[in-house]
Amino acid sequence: MFASNVVGTANACAGGWGNLGGGVTQILMVLVLFQPFKAAGMAPDEAWRVAMLVPILLFLCAVAIKLLCWDTPTARRFDVAVTGKTQKPSMWDYVEVLKDPKVVLMAMQYSACFGTELAMNNVLATHFRTYF
């Protein structure tokens, strides 16, 4: 996808934008959801819990709209196989890739790293506010 002389920079930029999204989410959840619930009279320990339910409810509404509405598009917006440049991968293509132990190891490492990052993002904000 990227030339070998810029692939590292491209990956770093993509990773940086991903981390920025986590930080912005932390800020927006407080400003857009927590503070209004608290101002409406909820106790702070209840307000943050209710604020965390809002994205879940929005996701469930989106799924319901996608599954239950008759006038939404049924096809994907872009399918590479339609252009004739490549064939659509089958399930066996994915199984073939997963036979390589390096791929499985890399997926497990990424899962562990990302899970740790999510846990740290959730805990560090409170830790820094409490102790610093």
C-alpha atoms as a PDB file:
ATOM      1  CA  MET A   1       0.000   0.000   0.000  1.00  0.00           C
ATOM      2  CA  PHE A   2       2.839   2.424   0.839  1.00  0.00           C
ATOM      3  CA  ALA A   3       6.352   2.606  -0.570  1.00  0.00           C
ATOM      4  CA  SER A   4       8.997   1.005   1.631  1.00  0.00           C
ATOM      5  CA  ASN A   5      10.655   4.347   2.385  1.00  0.00           C
ATOM      6  CA  VAL A   6       7.471   5.818   3.954  1.00  0.00           C
ATOM      7  CA  VAL A   7       5.664   2.786   5.358  1.00  0.00           C
ATOM      8  CA  GLY A   8       6.996   3.418   8.874  1.00  0.00           C
ATOM      9  CA  THR A   9       5.809   7.007   8.833  1.00  0.00           C
ATOM     10  CA  ALA A  10       2.407   5.959   7.511  1.00  0.00           C
ATOM     11  CA  ASN A  11       2.015   3.338  10.248  1.00  0.00           C
ATOM     12  CA  ALA A  12       3.111   5.819  12.924  1.00  0.00           C
ATOM     13  CA  CYS A  13       0.602   8.407  11.697  1.00  0.00           C
ATOM     14  CA  ALA A  14      -2.214   5.857  11.652  1.00  0.00           C
ATOM     15  CA  GLY A  15      -1.322   4.654  15.151  1.00  0.00           C
ATOM     16  CA  GLY A  16      -1.093   8.219  16.401  1.00  0.00           C
ATOM     17  CA  TRP A  17      -4.537   9.083  15.064  1.00  0.00           C
ATOM     18  CA  GLY A  18      -5.898   5.960  16.771  1.00  0.00           C
ATOM     19  CA  ASN A  19      -4.434   7.010  20.106  1.00  0.00           C
ATOM     20  CA  LEU A  20      -5.705  10.544  19.612  1.00  0.00           C
ATOM     21  CA  GLY A  21      -9.195   9.126  19.180  1.00  0.00           C
ATOM     22  CA  GLY A  22      -8.998   7.433  22.579  1.00  0.00           C
ATOM     23  CA  GLY A  23      -7.920  10.667  24.246  1.00  0.00           C
ATOM     24  CA  VAL A  24     -10.577  12.754  22.532  1.00  0.00           C
ATOM     25  CA  THR A  25     -13.187  10.193  23.557  1.00  0.00           C
ATOM     26  CA  GLN A  26     -12.126  10.533  27.192  1.00  0.00           C
ATOM     27  CA  ILE A  27     -12.556  14.312  27.001  1.00  0.00           C
ATOM     28  CA  LEU A  28     -15.844  14.258  25.070  1.00  0.00           C
ATOM     29  CA  MET A  29     -17.460  11.681  27.336  1.00  0.00           C
ATOM     30  CA  VAL A  30     -16.885  14.033  30.269  1.00  0.00           C
ATOM     31  CA  LEU A  31     -17.928  17.235  28.504  1.00  0.00           C
ATOM     32  CA  VAL A  32     -20.833  15.987  26.408  1.00  0.00           C
ATOM     33  CA  LEU A  33     -22.364  13.317  28.645  1.00  0.00           C
ATOM     34  CA  PHE A  34     -21.053  13.293  32.228  1.00  0.00           C
ATOM     35  CA  GLN A  35     -21.329  17.011  33.011  1.00  0.00           C
ATOM     36  CA  PRO A  36     -24.919  17.395  31.711  1.00  0.00           C
ATOM     37  CA  PHE A  37     -26.077  14.344  33.674  1.00  0.00           C
ATOM     38  CA  LYS A  38     -24.389  15.703  36.787  1.00  0.00           C
ATOM     39  CA  ALA A  39     -25.922  19.149  36.203  1.00  0.00           C
ATOM     40  CA  ALA A  40     -29.342  17.492  35.871  1.00  0.00           C
ATOM     41  CA  GLY A  41     -29.066  16.405  39.501  1.00  0.00           C
ATOM     42  CA  MET A  42     -27.510  12.956  39.312  1.00  0.00           C
ATOM     43  CA  ALA A  43     -24.836  12.006  41.788  1.00  0.00           C
ATOM     44  CA  PRO A  44     -21.384  11.905  40.138  1.00  0.00           C
ATOM     45  CA  ASP A  45     -21.029   8.142  40.666  1.00  0.00           C
ATOM     46  CA  GLU A  46     -24.349   7.588  38.883  1.00  0.00           C
ATOM     47  CA  ALA A  47     -23.750  10.198  36.167  1.00  0.00           C
ATOM     48  CA  TRP A  48     -20.610   8.549  34.793  1.00  0.00           C
ATOM     49  CA  ARG A  49     -22.302   5.151  34.734  1.00  0.00           C
ATOM     50  CA  VAL A  50     -25.283   6.514  32.815  1.00  0.00           C
ATOM     51  CA  ALA A  51     -22.902   8.387  30.477  1.00  0.00           C
ATOM     52  CA  MET A  52     -21.249   5.080  29.570  1.00  0.00           C
ATOM     53  CA  LEU A  53     -24.627   3.607  28.600  1.00  0.00           C
ATOM     54  CA  VAL A  54     -25.368   6.275  25.988  1.00  0.00           C
ATOM     55  CA  PRO A  55     -22.891   5.003  23.325  1.00  0.00           C
ATOM     56  CA  ILE A  56     -24.184   1.453  23.803  1.00  0.00           C
ATOM     57  CA  LEU A  57     -27.764   2.616  23.297  1.00  0.00           C
ATOM     58  CA  LEU A  58     -26.758   4.580  20.191  1.00  0.00           C
ATOM     59  CA  PHE A  59     -25.030   1.489  18.785  1.00  0.00           C
ATOM     60  CA  LEU A  60     -28.099  -0.662  19.446  1.00  0.00           C
ATOM     61  CA  CYS A  61     -30.291   1.925  17.716  1.00  0.00           C
ATOM     62  CA  ALA A  62     -27.966   1.928  14.701  1.00  0.00           C
ATOM     63  CA  VAL A  63     -28.084  -1.878  14.490  1.00  0.00           C
ATOM     64  CA  ALA A  64     -31.875  -1.845  14.777  1.00  0.00           C
ATOM     65  CA  ILE A  65     -32.152   0.759  12.018  1.00  0.00           C
ATOM     66  CA  LYS A  66     -29.835  -1.215   9.742  1.00  0.00           C
ATOM     67  CA  LEU A  67     -31.696  -4.483  10.306  1.00  0.00           C
ATOM     68  CA  LEU A  68     -35.289  -3.265  10.457  1.00  0.00           C
ATOM     69  CA  CYS A  69     -35.546  -0.394   7.977  1.00  0.00           C
ATOM     70  CA  TRP A  70     -36.574  -1.343   4.462  1.00  0.00           C
ATOM     71  CA  ASP A  71     -35.061   1.619   2.601  1.00  0.00           C
ATOM     72  CA  THR A  72     -31.404   1.247   3.585  1.00  0.00           C
ATOM     73  CA  PRO A  73     -28.829   0.012   1.053  1.00  0.00           C
ATOM     74  CA  THR A  74     -28.315  -3.735   1.047  1.00  0.00           C
ATOM     75  CA  ALA A  75     -24.935  -3.804  -0.709  1.00  0.00           C
ATOM     76  CA  ARG A  76     -21.578  -2.572   0.484  1.00  0.00           C
ATOM     77  CA  ARG A  77     -20.591   0.807  -0.881  1.00  0.00           C
ATOM     78  CA  PHE A  78     -17.349  -0.468  -2.389  1.00  0.00           C
ATOM     79  CA  ASP A  79     -16.431  -4.030  -3.228  1.00  0.00           C
ATOM     80  CA  VAL A  80     -13.011  -4.602  -4.758  1.00  0.00           C
ATOM     81  CA  ALA A  81     -14.155  -7.838  -6.396  1.00  0.00           C
ATOM     82  CA  VAL A  82     -16.625  -5.873  -8.551  1.00  0.00           C
ATOM     83  CA  THR A  83     -13.768  -3.943 -10.180  1.00  0.00           C
ATOM     84  CA  GLY A  84     -12.182  -7.169 -11.411  1.00  0.00           C
ATOM     85  CA  LYS A  85      -8.849  -6.376  -9.763  1.00  0.00           C
ATOM     86  CA  THR A  86      -9.077  -9.187  -7.257  1.00  0.00           C
ATOM     87  CA  GLN A  87     -11.334 -11.986  -6.219  1.00  0.00           C
ATOM     88  CA  LYS A  88     -13.381 -11.766  -3.077  1.00  0.00           C
ATOM     89  CA  PRO A  89     -11.610 -13.861  -0.426  1.00  0.00           C
ATOM     90  CA  SER A  90     -13.360 -16.973   0.766  1.00  0.00           C
ATOM     91  CA  MET A  91     -13.441 -18.304   4.311  1.00  0.00           C
ATOM     92  CA  TRP A  92     -10.784 -20.831   3.332  1.00  0.00           C
ATOM     93  CA  ASP A  93      -8.425 -18.004   2.398  1.00  0.00           C
ATOM     94  CA  TYR A  94      -8.668 -16.729   5.959  1.00  0.00           C
ATOM     95  CA  VAL A  95      -8.163 -20.237   7.354  1.00  0.00           C
ATOM     96  CA  GLU A  96      -5.056 -20.597   5.185  1.00  0.00           C
ATOM     97  CA  VAL A  97      -3.620 -17.382   6.622  1.00  0.00           C
ATOM     98  CA  LEU A  98      -4.343 -18.514  10.185  1.00  0.00           C
ATOM     99  CA  LYS A  99      -2.323 -21.701   9.631  1.00  0.00           C
ATOM    100  CA  ASP A 100       0.837 -19.596   9.847  1.00  0.00           C
ATOM    101  CA  PRO A 101       1.925 -19.510  13.537  1.00  0.00           C
ATOM    102  CA  LYS A 102       3.508 -16.079  13.036  1.00  0.00           C
ATOM    103  CA  VAL A 103       0.137 -14.611  12.094  1.00  0.00           C
ATOM    104  CA  VAL A 104      -1.563 -16.123  15.143  1.00  0.00           C
ATOM    105  CA  LEU A 105       1.252 -14.942  17.426  1.00  0.00           C
ATOM    106  CA  MET A 106       1.073 -11.426  16.012  1.00  0.00           C
ATOM    107  CA  ALA A 107      -2.716 -11.335  16.464  1.00  0.00           C
ATOM    108  CA  MET A 108      -2.364 -12.471  20.085  1.00  0.00           C
ATOM    109  CA  GLN A 109       0.343  -9.875  20.775  1.00  0.00           C
ATOM    110  CA  TYR A 110      -1.752  -7.119  19.256  1.00  0.00           C
ATOM    111  CA  SER A 111      -4.785  -8.189  21.283  1.00  0.00           C
ATOM    112  CA  ALA A 112      -2.764  -8.100  24.496  1.00  0.00           C
ATOM    113  CA  CYS A 113      -1.187  -4.733  23.657  1.00  0.00           C
ATOM    114  CA  PHE A 114      -4.466  -3.120  22.673  1.00  0.00           C
ATOM    115  CA  GLY A 115      -6.270  -4.512  25.710  1.00  0.00           C
ATOM    116  CA  THR A 116      -3.548  -3.113  27.952  1.00  0.00           C
ATOM    117  CA  GLU A 117      -3.760   0.243  26.188  1.00  0.00           C
ATOM    118  CA  LEU A 118      -7.517   0.426  26.721  1.00  0.00           C
ATOM    119  CA  ALA A 119      -7.148  -0.463  30.400  1.00  0.00           C
ATOM    120  CA  MET A 120      -4.408   2.132  30.878  1.00  0.00           C
ATOM    121  CA  ASN A 121      -6.411   4.827  29.084  1.00  0.00           C
ATOM    122  CA  ASN A 122      -9.301   4.207  31.453  1.00  0.00           C
ATOM    123  CA  VAL A 123      -7.215   4.080  34.644  1.00  0.00           C
ATOM    124  CA  LEU A 124      -4.508   6.673  34.029  1.00  0.00           C
ATOM    125  CA  ALA A 125      -6.814   9.677  33.726  1.00  0.00           C
ATOM    126  CA  THR A 126      -8.250   9.000  37.178  1.00  0.00           C
ATOM    127  CA  HIS A 127      -4.818   8.175  38.612  1.00  0.00           C
ATOM    128  CA  PHE A 128      -3.263  11.418  37.379  1.00  0.00           C
ATOM    129  CA  ARG A 129      -6.201  13.487  38.566  1.00  0.00           C
ATOM    130  CA  THR A 130      -6.097  11.897  42.027  1.00  0.00           C
ATOM    131  CA  TYR A 131      -2.345  11.932  42.644  1.00  0.00           C
ATOM    132  CA  PHE A 132      -1.080  14.884  40.615  1.00  0.00           C
END
